[in-house]
Amino acid sequence: MISHALTIVLNELEHHFDSVYATGASTQVELGNIGEGFTGGGNNGGVNRDMLVISIVNIKEEKTLKNVPNYVRDDISLKASYENPPVFANFLILVTATHTNYTNALLVLSRTLRFFQSKNVFTQDNVLPASINTDAPNNVLDQLETFKLIFDLYSPNIEEVNHLWGTLGGKQYPFALYMMRMLDLKFKAVQSESGLITEIVNEFSHKKAK
């Protein structure tokens, strides 16, 4: 689900670059771990140069939404299904411009900032169908059915920036940090079912013993 969420955003960003700036490049954005370094030079992993790389650097649970009901009421079948409540997670997203030309890196990064300024909420109703289907996970259980992804610009201080890039083990590149909020992670596993209480009778009496 996490990879599908970021893939949807990636596809939307790619479409924005092509339609607005007519860049004509085949691929301009990729998902990858910037901490693995760059491809080539004997490195089997890593990310590509001259790309906008999207990485997850932290995951935090949204504790304010923990107290949600653990049951789903079905008034048609008059049953209640009990499930573990979903986990609402916030993801700290690192967007890095890996371009060898520093001017181009700043150019792409500024376009990205303007994109998220103009569109910071992504739902199944306001994104292109191709953005949902392109490069989606093969297993339907890994795909998002409904979603609402909210991107907020995160502004770290100098100490946080130094710690971040020190942890990633590389040099600092032009980057921006976003908090992707409200992705609910849930596996459809019903714990139990029971009938609904449809009527309460409070008028009753005991029969007299014979």
Protein backbone atom coordinates (compact mmCIF):
# COMPACT_ATOMS: atom_id res chain seq x y z
CA MET A 1 0.00 0.00 0.00
CA ILE A 2 2.83 2.38 0.79
CA SER A 3 4.53 1.79 -2.54
CA HIS A 4 1.21 2.22 -4.38
CA ALA A 5 0.57 5.52 -2.60
CA LEU A 6 3.95 6.93 -3.59
CA THR A 7 3.65 5.51 -7.12
CA ILE A 8 0.38 7.40 -7.57
CA VAL A 9 2.02 10.65 -6.48
CA LEU A 10 5.04 9.93 -8.68
CA ASN A 11 2.81 9.40 -11.73
CA GLU A 12 0.95 12.62 -11.03
CA LEU A 13 4.24 14.50 -10.76
CA GLU A 14 5.53 12.97 -14.01
CA HIS A 15 2.33 13.99 -15.79
CA HIS A 16 2.65 17.52 -14.40
CA PHE A 17 6.21 17.87 -15.72
CA ASP A 18 5.20 16.61 -19.17
CA SER A 19 1.99 18.62 -19.55
CA VAL A 20 3.11 21.91 -18.01
CA TYR A 21 6.79 22.12 -18.93
CA ALA A 22 6.79 19.85 -22.01
CA THR A 23 10.05 18.29 -20.90
CA GLY A 24 9.70 15.28 -23.18
CA ALA A 25 11.85 13.09 -20.94
CA SER A 26 10.71 9.48 -20.56
CA THR A 27 11.34 9.23 -16.82
CA GLN A 28 12.06 12.14 -14.51
CA VAL A 29 10.94 10.87 -11.10
CA GLU A 30 11.73 7.59 -9.36
CA LEU A 31 11.23 5.86 -6.03
CA GLY A 32 14.46 4.86 -4.36
CA ASN A 33 16.58 4.88 -1.25
CA ILE A 34 18.88 7.88 -1.60
CA GLY A 35 21.00 6.38 1.19
CA GLU A 36 22.19 3.61 -1.16
CA GLY A 37 24.11 6.08 -3.30
CA PHE A 38 24.11 6.20 -7.08
CA THR A 39 24.16 3.44 -9.65
CA GLY A 40 27.36 2.63 -11.53
CA GLY A 41 30.90 2.37 -10.33
CA GLY A 42 30.44 -1.21 -9.18
CA ASN A 43 27.36 -0.34 -7.13
CA ASN A 44 24.57 -2.80 -7.90
CA GLY A 45 21.93 -0.77 -6.09
CA GLY A 46 21.44 2.93 -5.69
CA VAL A 47 19.48 5.59 -7.55
CA ASN A 48 20.07 7.36 -10.84
CA ARG A 49 21.62 10.76 -11.41
CA ASP A 50 19.69 13.57 -13.09
CA MET A 51 16.46 12.37 -11.47
CA LEU A 52 14.03 13.52 -8.82
CA VAL A 53 14.21 10.77 -6.20
CA ILE A 54 11.43 10.13 -3.67
CA SER A 55 12.43 8.32 -0.47
CA ILE A 56 10.79 7.55 2.87
CA VAL A 57 13.00 8.58 5.79
CA ASN A 58 10.61 8.16 8.73
CA ILE A 59 7.22 6.71 9.68
CA LYS A 60 5.10 7.93 12.60
CA GLU A 61 1.74 6.73 13.83
CA GLU A 62 -1.04 9.32 14.06
CA LYS A 63 -2.01 8.71 17.68
CA THR A 64 -4.88 11.20 17.68
CA LEU A 65 -6.86 8.79 15.49
CA LYS A 66 -6.26 5.62 17.52
CA ASN A 67 -9.63 5.68 19.28
CA VAL A 68 -11.83 4.62 16.40
CA PRO A 69 -14.57 1.94 16.60
CA ASN A 70 -13.35 -1.62 16.04
CA TYR A 71 -16.59 -2.77 14.45
CA VAL A 72 -18.45 -2.23 11.18
CA ARG A 73 -22.25 -2.16 11.35
CA ASP A 74 -24.28 -3.72 8.51
CA ASP A 75 -27.95 -2.72 8.82
CA ILE A 76 -28.95 -4.95 5.90
CA SER A 77 -27.73 -8.24 7.33
CA LEU A 78 -28.21 -6.96 10.91
CA LYS A 79 -24.68 -8.02 11.84
CA ALA A 80 -21.63 -6.32 13.23
CA SER A 81 -18.13 -7.29 12.09
CA TYR A 82 -15.33 -6.78 14.59
CA GLU A 83 -11.92 -5.89 13.15
CA ASN A 84 -8.73 -4.38 14.49
CA PRO A 85 -8.84 -0.61 13.83
CA PRO A 86 -6.62 0.67 10.99
CA VAL A 87 -3.21 2.18 11.63
CA PHE A 88 -3.08 5.81 10.58
CA ALA A 89 0.49 6.62 9.60
CA ASN A 90 2.39 9.76 8.69
CA PHE A 91 5.39 9.40 6.40
CA LEU A 92 8.31 11.80 6.15
CA ILE A 93 9.10 11.96 2.45
CA LEU A 94 12.48 13.14 1.17
CA VAL A 95 12.42 14.61 -2.36
CA THR A 96 15.97 14.92 -3.73
CA ALA A 97 17.19 16.39 -7.02
CA THR A 98 20.23 14.30 -8.01
CA HIS A 99 21.14 16.29 -11.12
CA THR A 100 24.83 16.73 -11.86
CA ASN A 101 24.08 20.26 -13.01
CA TYR A 102 23.26 22.25 -9.88
CA THR A 103 21.14 24.78 -11.79
CA ASN A 104 19.01 22.00 -13.25
CA ALA A 105 18.61 20.47 -9.80
CA LEU A 106 17.27 23.73 -8.41
CA LEU A 107 15.01 24.13 -11.43
CA VAL A 108 13.42 20.70 -10.98
CA LEU A 109 13.13 21.16 -7.23
CA SER A 110 11.35 24.50 -7.63
CA ARG A 111 8.90 22.91 -10.09
CA THR A 112 8.23 20.19 -7.55
CA LEU A 113 7.56 22.70 -4.78
CA ARG A 114 5.09 24.54 -7.01
CA PHE A 115 3.39 21.26 -7.91
CA PHE A 116 2.74 20.35 -4.27
CA GLN A 117 1.72 23.93 -3.54
CA SER A 118 -0.99 23.70 -6.20
CA LYS A 119 -2.04 20.14 -5.33
CA ASN A 120 -1.32 18.82 -1.87
CA VAL A 121 -4.29 16.44 -1.49
CA PHE A 122 -4.55 13.27 -3.57
CA THR A 123 -7.68 11.13 -3.64
CA GLN A 124 -9.05 8.52 -6.04
CA ASP A 125 -11.38 11.23 -7.39
CA ASN A 126 -8.84 13.95 -8.28
CA VAL A 127 -6.00 11.92 -9.82
CA LEU A 128 -5.81 10.44 -13.30
CA PRO A 129 -6.89 6.79 -13.65
CA ALA A 130 -3.53 6.16 -15.31
CA SER A 131 -1.77 7.42 -12.19
CA ILE A 132 -3.53 4.73 -10.15
CA ASN A 133 -3.00 1.90 -12.62
CA THR A 134 0.51 2.57 -13.98
CA ASP A 135 3.14 0.49 -12.14
CA ALA A 136 0.58 -0.50 -9.50
CA PRO A 137 1.44 -3.57 -7.37
CA ASN A 138 0.44 -6.84 -9.02
CA ASN A 139 -1.30 -8.19 -5.93
CA VAL A 140 -4.64 -6.46 -5.34
CA LEU A 141 -4.09 -6.72 -1.57
CA ASP A 142 -1.16 -4.31 -1.99
CA GLN A 143 -3.25 -1.77 -3.90
CA LEU A 144 -5.18 1.15 -2.45
CA GLU A 145 -8.94 1.06 -2.96
CA THR A 146 -9.77 4.46 -1.51
CA PHE A 147 -7.21 6.94 -0.28
CA LYS A 148 -6.61 10.48 0.84
CA LEU A 149 -2.97 11.53 0.88
CA ILE A 150 -2.16 14.97 2.28
CA PHE A 151 1.27 16.49 1.63
CA ASP A 152 2.53 19.21 3.96
CA LEU A 153 5.92 20.87 3.53
CA TYR A 154 8.16 20.05 6.48
CA SER A 155 10.82 22.58 7.46
CA PRO A 156 13.71 20.99 9.40
CA ASN A 157 16.26 23.08 11.27
CA ILE A 158 19.98 22.95 10.52
CA GLU A 159 20.61 20.30 13.19
CA GLU A 160 17.90 18.04 11.77
CA VAL A 161 19.24 18.50 8.23
CA ASN A 162 22.75 17.60 9.39
CA HIS A 163 21.49 14.52 11.22
CA LEU A 164 19.35 13.44 8.25
CA TRP A 165 22.12 13.53 5.67
CA GLY A 166 24.62 12.13 8.15
CA THR A 167 22.31 9.14 8.68
CA LEU A 168 21.93 8.69 4.92
CA GLY A 169 25.70 8.61 4.68
CA GLY A 170 26.06 10.88 1.69
CA LYS A 171 26.60 14.43 0.60
CA GLN A 172 23.71 16.83 0.75
CA TYR A 173 21.80 17.50 -2.47
CA PRO A 174 19.02 20.00 -3.20
CA PHE A 175 16.01 18.56 -1.38
CA ALA A 176 12.65 19.16 0.22
CA LEU A 177 10.88 17.28 3.00
CA TYR A 178 7.16 16.58 3.02
CA MET A 179 4.92 14.95 5.59
CA MET A 180 2.49 12.60 3.85
CA ARG A 181 -0.43 12.32 6.23
CA MET A 182 -3.51 10.17 6.71
CA LEU A 183 -2.56 6.94 4.96
CA ASP A 184 -4.61 4.29 6.80
CA LEU A 185 -3.13 0.81 6.68
CA LYS A 186 -5.64 -1.97 7.17
CA PHE A 187 -5.78 -5.66 6.35
CA LYS A 188 -9.26 -7.06 5.83
CA ALA A 189 -9.36 -9.67 8.58
CA VAL A 190 -12.65 -10.05 10.43
CA GLN A 191 -12.03 -11.11 14.02
CA SER A 192 -15.64 -12.05 14.79
CA GLU A 193 -19.26 -11.36 13.87
CA SER A 194 -22.39 -10.97 15.95
CA GLY A 195 -25.99 -9.93 15.52
CA LEU A 196 -27.13 -6.38 16.09
CA ILE A 197 -29.39 -5.47 18.99
CA THR A 198 -32.47 -4.12 17.26
CA GLU A 199 -34.93 -3.91 20.17
CA ILE A 200 -34.73 -3.54 23.92
CA VAL A 201 -37.65 -4.89 25.96
CA ASN A 202 -37.94 -3.39 29.41
CA GLU A 203 -41.50 -4.44 30.27
CA PHE A 204 -41.51 -7.97 31.60
CA SER A 205 -42.82 -9.85 34.62
CA HIS A 206 -42.21 -13.20 36.30
CA LYS A 207 -44.85 -15.89 36.22
CA LYS A 208 -46.22 -16.89 39.57
CA ALA A 209 -45.13 -20.31 40.69
CA LYS A 210 -47.96 -22.84 40.83
